[in-house]
């Protein structure tokens, strides 16, 4: 074994990382500007949206249940 990782004959690829300025205060302040709670970075879908999603997935679930792939 030659000690090289990856596919035979593959050449290593260089990777370059860049530092990016990220304004944490602005990200935290944006929900407050919209009068949302500070922990509302992710807002859970409402009851209606959750019901729509389940109904949309129902045919696929039933088809999988018929084929026996649902445990």
PDB file of N, CA and C in Angstrom:
ATOM      1  N   UNK A   1       0.843  -1.182   0.000  1.00  0.00           N
ATOM      2  CA  UNK A   1       0.000   0.000   0.000  1.00  0.00           C
ATOM      3  C   UNK A   1       0.885   1.241   0.000  1.00  0.00           C
ATOM      4  N   UNK A   2       0.567   2.216  -0.780  1.00  0.00           N
ATOM      5  CA  UNK A   2       1.416   3.400  -0.912  1.00  0.00           C
ATOM      6  C   UNK A   2       1.113   4.476   0.119  1.00  0.00           C
ATOM      7  N   UNK A   3       0.052   4.342   0.894  1.00  0.00           N
ATOM      8  CA  UNK A   3      -0.289   5.339   1.904  1.00  0.00           C
ATOM      9  C   UNK A   3      -1.140   6.481   1.384  1.00  0.00           C
ATOM     10  N   UNK A   4      -1.514   6.423   0.104  1.00  0.00           N
ATOM     11  CA  UNK A   4      -2.359   7.488  -0.462  1.00  0.00           C
ATOM     12  C   UNK A   4      -3.824   7.128  -0.269  1.00  0.00           C
ATOM     13  N   UNK A   5      -4.614   8.120   0.090  1.00  0.00           N
ATOM     14  CA  UNK A   5      -6.050   7.908   0.250  1.00  0.00           C
ATOM     15  C   UNK A   5      -6.763   8.254  -1.047  1.00  0.00           C
ATOM     16  N   UNK A   6      -7.883   7.618  -1.295  1.00  0.00           N
ATOM     17  CA  UNK A   6      -8.688   7.953  -2.461  1.00  0.00           C
ATOM     18  C   UNK A   6      -8.529   6.947  -3.579  1.00  0.00           C
ATOM     19  N   UNK A   7      -9.083   7.268  -4.738  1.00  0.00           N
ATOM     20  CA  UNK A   7      -9.058   6.371  -5.875  1.00  0.00           C
ATOM     21  C   UNK A   7      -7.662   6.306  -6.477  1.00  0.00           C
ATOM     22  N   UNK A   8      -7.374   5.183  -7.079  1.00  0.00           N
ATOM     23  CA  UNK A   8      -6.056   5.002  -7.703  1.00  0.00           C
ATOM     24  C   UNK A   8      -5.876   6.011  -8.819  1.00  0.00           C
ATOM     25  N   UNK A   9      -4.756   6.660  -8.847  1.00  0.00           N
ATOM     26  CA  UNK A   9      -4.457   7.636  -9.890  1.00  0.00           C
ATOM     27  C   UNK A   9      -5.046   9.010  -9.653  1.00  0.00           C
ATOM     28  N   UNK A  10      -5.803   9.195  -8.584  1.00  0.00           N
ATOM     29  CA  UNK A  10      -6.407  10.493  -8.304  1.00  0.00           C
ATOM     30  C   UNK A  10      -5.361  11.435  -7.741  1.00  0.00           C
ATOM     31  N   UNK A  11      -5.388  12.649  -8.203  1.00  0.00           N
ATOM     32  CA  UNK A  11      -4.443  13.652  -7.704  1.00  0.00           C
ATOM     33  C   UNK A  11      -5.075  14.432  -6.571  1.00  0.00           C
ATOM     34  N   UNK A  12      -4.284  14.795  -5.568  1.00  0.00           N
ATOM     35  CA  UNK A  12      -4.845  15.583  -4.467  1.00  0.00           C
ATOM     36  C   UNK A  12      -5.333  16.945  -4.952  1.00  0.00           C
ATOM     37  N   UNK A  13      -6.369  17.424  -4.310  1.00  0.00           N
ATOM     38  CA  UNK A  13      -6.959  18.714  -4.667  1.00  0.00           C
ATOM     39  C   UNK A  13      -6.734  19.667  -3.500  1.00  0.00           C
ATOM     40  N   UNK A  14      -6.252  20.849  -3.797  1.00  0.00           N
ATOM     41  CA  UNK A  14      -6.043  21.842  -2.749  1.00  0.00           C
ATOM     42  C   UNK A  14      -7.355  22.514  -2.362  1.00  0.00           C
ATOM     43  N   UNK A  15      -7.445  22.888  -1.111  1.00  0.00           N
ATOM     44  CA  UNK A  15      -8.633  23.562  -0.600  1.00  0.00           C
ATOM     45  C   UNK A  15      -8.204  24.874   0.018  1.00  0.00           C
ATOM     46  N   UNK A  16      -8.947  25.919  -0.244  1.00  0.00           N
ATOM     47  CA  UNK A  16      -8.630  27.229   0.315  1.00  0.00           C
ATOM     48  C   UNK A  16      -9.821  27.711   1.129  1.00  0.00           C
ATOM     49  N   UNK A  17      -9.561  28.133   2.347  1.00  0.00           N
ATOM     50  CA  UNK A  17     -10.606  28.639   3.231  1.00  0.00           C
ATOM     51  C   UNK A  17     -10.441  30.139   3.395  1.00  0.00           C
ATOM     52  N   UNK A  18     -11.542  30.852   3.465  1.00  0.00           N
ATOM     53  CA  UNK A  18     -11.520  32.296   3.642  1.00  0.00           C
ATOM     54  C   UNK A  18     -12.297  32.660   4.905  1.00  0.00           C
ATOM     55  N   UNK A  19     -11.806  33.619   5.610  1.00  0.00           N
ATOM     56  CA  UNK A  19     -12.527  34.135   6.769  1.00  0.00           C
ATOM     57  C   UNK A  19     -13.600  35.106   6.277  1.00  0.00           C
ATOM     58  N   UNK A  20     -14.765  35.016   6.864  1.00  0.00           N
ATOM     59  CA  UNK A  20     -15.876  35.872   6.474  1.00  0.00           C
ATOM     60  C   UNK A  20     -16.374  36.599   7.713  1.00  0.00           C
ATOM     61  N   UNK A  21     -16.525  37.903   7.597  1.00  0.00           N
ATOM     62  CA  UNK A  21     -17.094  38.662   8.705  1.00  0.00           C
ATOM     63  C   UNK A  21     -18.577  38.326   8.814  1.00  0.00           C
ATOM     64  N   UNK A  22     -19.007  38.070  10.019  1.00  0.00           N
ATOM     65  CA  UNK A  22     -20.404  37.696  10.265  1.00  0.00           C
ATOM     66  C   UNK A  22     -20.917  38.570  11.388  1.00  0.00           C
ATOM     67  N   UNK A  23     -21.972  39.277  11.114  1.00  0.00           N
ATOM     68  CA  UNK A  23     -22.513  40.230  12.078  1.00  0.00           C
ATOM     69  C   UNK A  23     -23.561  39.537  12.953  1.00  0.00           C
ATOM     70  N   UNK A  24     -23.111  38.978  14.072  1.00  0.00           N
ATOM     71  CA  UNK A  24     -24.012  38.257  14.960  1.00  0.00           C
ATOM     72  C   UNK A  24     -25.112  39.161  15.529  1.00  0.00           C
ATOM     73  N   UNK A  25     -24.753  40.378  15.841  1.00  0.00           N
ATOM     74  CA  UNK A  25     -25.750  41.297  16.419  1.00  0.00           C
ATOM     75  C   UNK A  25     -26.881  41.586  15.439  1.00  0.00           C
ATOM     76  N   UNK A  26     -26.534  41.751  14.167  1.00  0.00           N
ATOM     77  CA  UNK A  26     -27.571  42.021  13.170  1.00  0.00           C
ATOM     78  C   UNK A  26     -28.489  40.814  12.998  1.00  0.00           C
ATOM     79  N   UNK A  27     -27.897  39.622  13.030  1.00  0.00           N
ATOM     80  CA  UNK A  27     -28.705  38.411  12.874  1.00  0.00           C
ATOM     81  C   UNK A  27     -29.640  38.245  14.068  1.00  0.00           C
ATOM     82  N   UNK A  28     -29.143  38.526  15.250  1.00  0.00           N
ATOM     83  CA  UNK A  28     -29.985  38.421  16.443  1.00  0.00           C
ATOM     84  C   UNK A  28     -31.009  39.555  16.505  1.00  0.00           C
ATOM     85  N   UNK A  29     -30.658  40.711  15.969  1.00  0.00           N
ATOM     86  CA  UNK A  29     -31.543  41.863  16.046  1.00  0.00           C
ATOM     87  C   UNK A  29     -32.672  41.853  15.033  1.00  0.00           C
ATOM     88  N   UNK A  30     -32.485  41.146  13.910  1.00  0.00           N
ATOM     89  CA  UNK A  30     -33.503  41.133  12.860  1.00  0.00           C
ATOM     90  C   UNK A  30     -34.852  40.612  13.357  1.00  0.00           C
ATOM     91  N   UNK A  31     -34.907  39.508  14.101  1.00  0.00           N
ATOM     92  CA  UNK A  31     -36.228  39.080  14.602  1.00  0.00           C
ATOM     93  C   UNK A  31     -36.862  40.102  15.546  1.00  0.00           C
ATOM     94  N   UNK A  32     -36.025  40.754  16.342  1.00  0.00           N
ATOM     95  CA  UNK A  32     -36.567  41.755  17.273  1.00  0.00           C
ATOM     96  C   UNK A  32     -37.181  42.924  16.521  1.00  0.00           C
ATOM     97  N   UNK A  33     -36.587  43.288  15.386  1.00  0.00           N
ATOM     98  CA  UNK A  33     -37.146  44.381  14.582  1.00  0.00           C
ATOM     99  C   UNK A  33     -38.537  44.020  14.070  1.00  0.00           C
ATOM    100  N   UNK A  34     -38.783  42.735  13.874  1.00  0.00           N
ATOM    101  CA  UNK A  34     -40.098  42.279  13.416  1.00  0.00           C
ATOM    102  C   UNK A  34     -41.014  41.909  14.578  1.00  0.00           C
ATOM    103  N   UNK A  35     -40.578  42.268  15.791  1.00  0.00           N
ATOM    104  CA  UNK A  35     -41.330  42.007  17.029  1.00  0.00           C
ATOM    105  C   UNK A  35     -41.513  40.509  17.295  1.00  0.00           C
ATOM    106  N   UNK A  36     -40.497  39.732  16.953  1.00  0.00           N
ATOM    107  CA  UNK A  36     -40.500  38.305  17.234  1.00  0.00           C
ATOM    108  C   UNK A  36     -39.662  38.035  18.475  1.00  0.00           C
ATOM    109  N   UNK A  37     -39.896  36.925  19.154  1.00  0.00           N
ATOM    110  CA  UNK A  37     -39.076  36.606  20.323  1.00  0.00           C
ATOM    111  C   UNK A  37     -37.622  36.386  19.924  1.00  0.00           C
ATOM    112  N   UNK A  38     -36.680  36.621  20.824  1.00  0.00           N
ATOM    113  CA  UNK A  38     -35.262  36.478  20.488  1.00  0.00           C
ATOM    114  C   UNK A  38     -34.874  35.062  20.079  1.00  0.00           C
ATOM    115  N   UNK A  39     -35.600  34.057  20.523  1.00  0.00           N
ATOM    116  CA  UNK A  39     -35.257  32.679  20.163  1.00  0.00           C
ATOM    117  C   UNK A  39     -36.000  32.195  18.919  1.00  0.00           C
ATOM    118  N   UNK A  40     -36.498  33.101  18.115  1.00  0.00           N
ATOM    119  CA  UNK A  40     -37.312  32.717  16.957  1.00  0.00           C
ATOM    120  C   UNK A  40     -36.507  32.653  15.668  1.00  0.00           C
ATOM    121  N   UNK A  41     -35.268  32.204  15.737  1.00  0.00           N
ATOM    122  CA  UNK A  41     -34.478  32.045  14.519  1.00  0.00           C
ATOM    123  C   UNK A  41     -35.145  31.026  13.603  1.00  0.00           C
ATOM    124  N   UNK A  42     -35.737  30.018  14.193  1.00  0.00           N
ATOM    125  CA  UNK A  42     -36.510  29.021  13.445  1.00  0.00           C
ATOM    126  C   UNK A  42     -37.918  29.056  13.993  1.00  0.00           C
ATOM    127  N   UNK A  43     -38.871  29.282  13.134  1.00  0.00           N
ATOM    128  CA  UNK A  43     -40.263  29.331  13.555  1.00  0.00           C
ATOM    129  C   UNK A  43     -40.931  28.038  13.095  1.00  0.00           C
ATOM    130  N   UNK A  44     -41.477  27.316  14.036  1.00  0.00           N
ATOM    131  CA  UNK A  44     -42.132  26.053  13.740  1.00  0.00           C
ATOM    132  C   UNK A  44     -43.360  26.295  12.863  1.00  0.00           C
ATOM    133  N   UNK A  45     -43.592  25.425  11.869  1.00  0.00           N
ATOM    134  CA  UNK A  45     -44.775  25.591  11.030  1.00  0.00           C
ATOM    135  C   UNK A  45     -46.051  25.477  11.852  1.00  0.00           C
ATOM    136  N   UNK A  46     -47.060  26.194  11.451  1.00  0.00           N
ATOM    137  CA  UNK A  46     -48.333  26.155  12.154  1.00  0.00           C
ATOM    138  C   UNK A  46     -49.069  24.840  11.947  1.00  0.00           C
ATOM    139  N   UNK A  47     -50.181  24.706  12.614  1.00  0.00           N
ATOM    140  CA  UNK A  47     -50.968  23.475  12.557  1.00  0.00           C
ATOM    141  C   UNK A  47     -51.456  23.203  11.138  1.00  0.00           C
ATOM    142  N   UNK A  48     -51.897  24.228  10.443  1.00  0.00           N
ATOM    143  CA  UNK A  48     -52.397  24.057   9.082  1.00  0.00           C
ATOM    144  C   UNK A  48     -51.287  23.595   8.136  1.00  0.00           C
ATOM    145  N   UNK A  49     -50.121  24.189   8.248  1.00  0.00           N
ATOM    146  CA  UNK A  49     -48.994  23.802   7.394  1.00  0.00           C
ATOM    147  C   UNK A  49     -48.565  22.361   7.671  1.00  0.00           C
ATOM    148  N   UNK A  50     -48.558  21.971   8.945  1.00  0.00           N
ATOM    149  CA  UNK A  50     -48.189  20.593   9.294  1.00  0.00           C
ATOM    150  C   UNK A  50     -49.205  19.603   8.732  1.00  0.00           C
ATOM    151  N   UNK A  51     -50.496  19.948   8.793  1.00  0.00           N
ATOM    152  CA  UNK A  51     -51.538  19.073   8.252  1.00  0.00           C
ATOM    153  C   UNK A  51     -51.407  18.948   6.733  1.00  0.00           C
ATOM    154  N   UNK A  52     -51.147  20.049   6.065  1.00  0.00           N
ATOM    155  CA  UNK A  52     -50.944  20.001   4.604  1.00  0.00           C
ATOM    156  C   UNK A  52     -49.775  19.100   4.241  1.00  0.00           C
ATOM    157  N   UNK A  53     -48.675  19.212   4.984  1.00  0.00           N
ATOM    158  CA  UNK A  53     -47.486  18.403   4.706  1.00  0.00           C
ATOM    159  C   UNK A  53     -47.804  16.915   4.890  1.00  0.00           C
ATOM    160  N   UNK A  54     -48.524  16.579   5.946  1.00  0.00           N
ATOM    161  CA  UNK A  54     -48.874  15.175   6.175  1.00  0.00           C
ATOM    162  C   UNK A  54     -49.793  14.637   5.075  1.00  0.00           C
ATOM    163  N   UNK A  55     -50.752  15.443   4.661  1.00  0.00           N
ATOM    164  CA  UNK A  55     -51.642  15.008   3.585  1.00  0.00           C
ATOM    165  C   UNK A  55     -50.889  14.845   2.272  1.00  0.00           C
ATOM    166  N   UNK A  56     -49.924  15.704   2.027  1.00  0.00           N
ATOM    167  CA  UNK A  56     -49.126  15.617   0.811  1.00  0.00           C
ATOM    168  C   UNK A  56     -48.283  14.336   0.810  1.00  0.00           C
ATOM    169  N   UNK A  57     -47.813  13.908   1.981  1.00  0.00           N
ATOM    170  CA  UNK A  57     -46.973  12.707   2.077  1.00  0.00           C
ATOM    171  C   UNK A  57     -47.777  11.420   2.177  1.00  0.00           C
ATOM    172  N   UNK A  58     -49.077  11.512   2.432  1.00  0.00           N
ATOM    173  CA  UNK A  58     -49.910  10.337   2.659  1.00  0.00           C
ATOM    174  C   UNK A  58     -49.886   9.338   1.496  1.00  0.00           C
ATOM    175  N   UNK A  59     -50.056   9.745   0.242  1.00  0.00           N
ATOM    176  CA  UNK A  59     -50.037   8.748  -0.846  1.00  0.00           C
ATOM    177  C   UNK A  59     -48.724   7.961  -0.912  1.00  0.00           C
ATOM    178  N   UNK A  60     -47.607   8.628  -0.703  1.00  0.00           N
ATOM    179  CA  UNK A  60     -46.311   7.947  -0.730  1.00  0.00           C
ATOM    180  C   UNK A  60     -46.208   6.951   0.434  1.00  0.00           C
ATOM    181  N   UNK A  61     -46.713   7.341   1.600  1.00  0.00           N
ATOM    182  CA  UNK A  61     -46.679   6.465   2.766  1.00  0.00           C
ATOM    183  C   UNK A  61     -47.554   5.232   2.534  1.00  0.00           C
ATOM    184  N   UNK A  62     -48.761   5.452   1.989  1.00  0.00           N
ATOM    185  CA  UNK A  62     -49.662   4.325   1.731  1.00  0.00           C
ATOM    186  C   UNK A  62     -49.084   3.370   0.698  1.00  0.00           C
ATOM    187  N   UNK A  63     -48.447   3.911  -0.333  1.00  0.00           N
ATOM    188  CA  UNK A  63     -47.824   3.060  -1.349  1.00  0.00           C
ATOM    189  C   UNK A  63     -46.698   2.225  -0.740  1.00  0.00           C
ATOM    190  N   UNK A  64     -45.919   2.832   0.133  1.00  0.00           N
ATOM    191  CA  UNK A  64     -44.839   2.101   0.792  1.00  0.00           C
ATOM    192  C   UNK A  64     -45.396   1.051   1.733  1.00  0.00           C
ATOM    193  N   UNK A  65     -46.518   1.343   2.393  1.00  0.00           N
ATOM    194  CA  UNK A  65     -47.132   0.388   3.302  1.00  0.00           C
ATOM    195  C   UNK A  65     -47.669  -0.819   2.538  1.00  0.00           C
ATOM    196  N   UNK A  66     -48.223  -0.582   1.362  1.00  0.00           N
ATOM    197  CA  UNK A  66     -48.724  -1.685   0.538  1.00  0.00           C
ATOM    198  C   UNK A  66     -47.605  -2.596   0.061  1.00  0.00           C
ATOM    199  N   UNK A  67     -46.456  -1.996  -0.253  1.00  0.00           N
ATOM    200  CA  UNK A  67     -45.333  -2.784  -0.754  1.00  0.00           C
ATOM    201  C   UNK A  67     -44.578  -3.487   0.382  1.00  0.00           C
ATOM    202  N   UNK A  68     -44.889  -3.122   1.629  1.00  0.00           N
ATOM    203  CA  UNK A  68     -44.267  -3.784   2.766  1.00  0.00           C
ATOM    204  C   UNK A  68     -42.969  -3.159   3.231  1.00  0.00           C
ATOM    205  N   UNK A  69     -42.628  -1.970   2.756  1.00  0.00           N
ATOM    206  CA  UNK A  69     -41.364  -1.355   3.147  1.00  0.00           C
ATOM    207  C   UNK A  69     -41.494  -0.477   4.390  1.00  0.00           C
ATOM    208  N   UNK A  70     -42.705  -0.290   4.899  1.00  0.00           N
ATOM    209  CA  UNK A  70     -42.905   0.491   6.122  1.00  0.00           C
ATOM    210  C   UNK A  70     -42.926  -0.481   7.292  1.00  0.00           C
ATOM    211  N   UNK A  71     -42.125  -0.185   8.303  1.00  0.00           N
ATOM    212  CA  UNK A  71     -42.072  -1.095   9.462  1.00  0.00           C
ATOM    213  C   UNK A  71     -42.940  -0.589  10.581  1.00  0.00           C
TER     214      UNK A  71
END
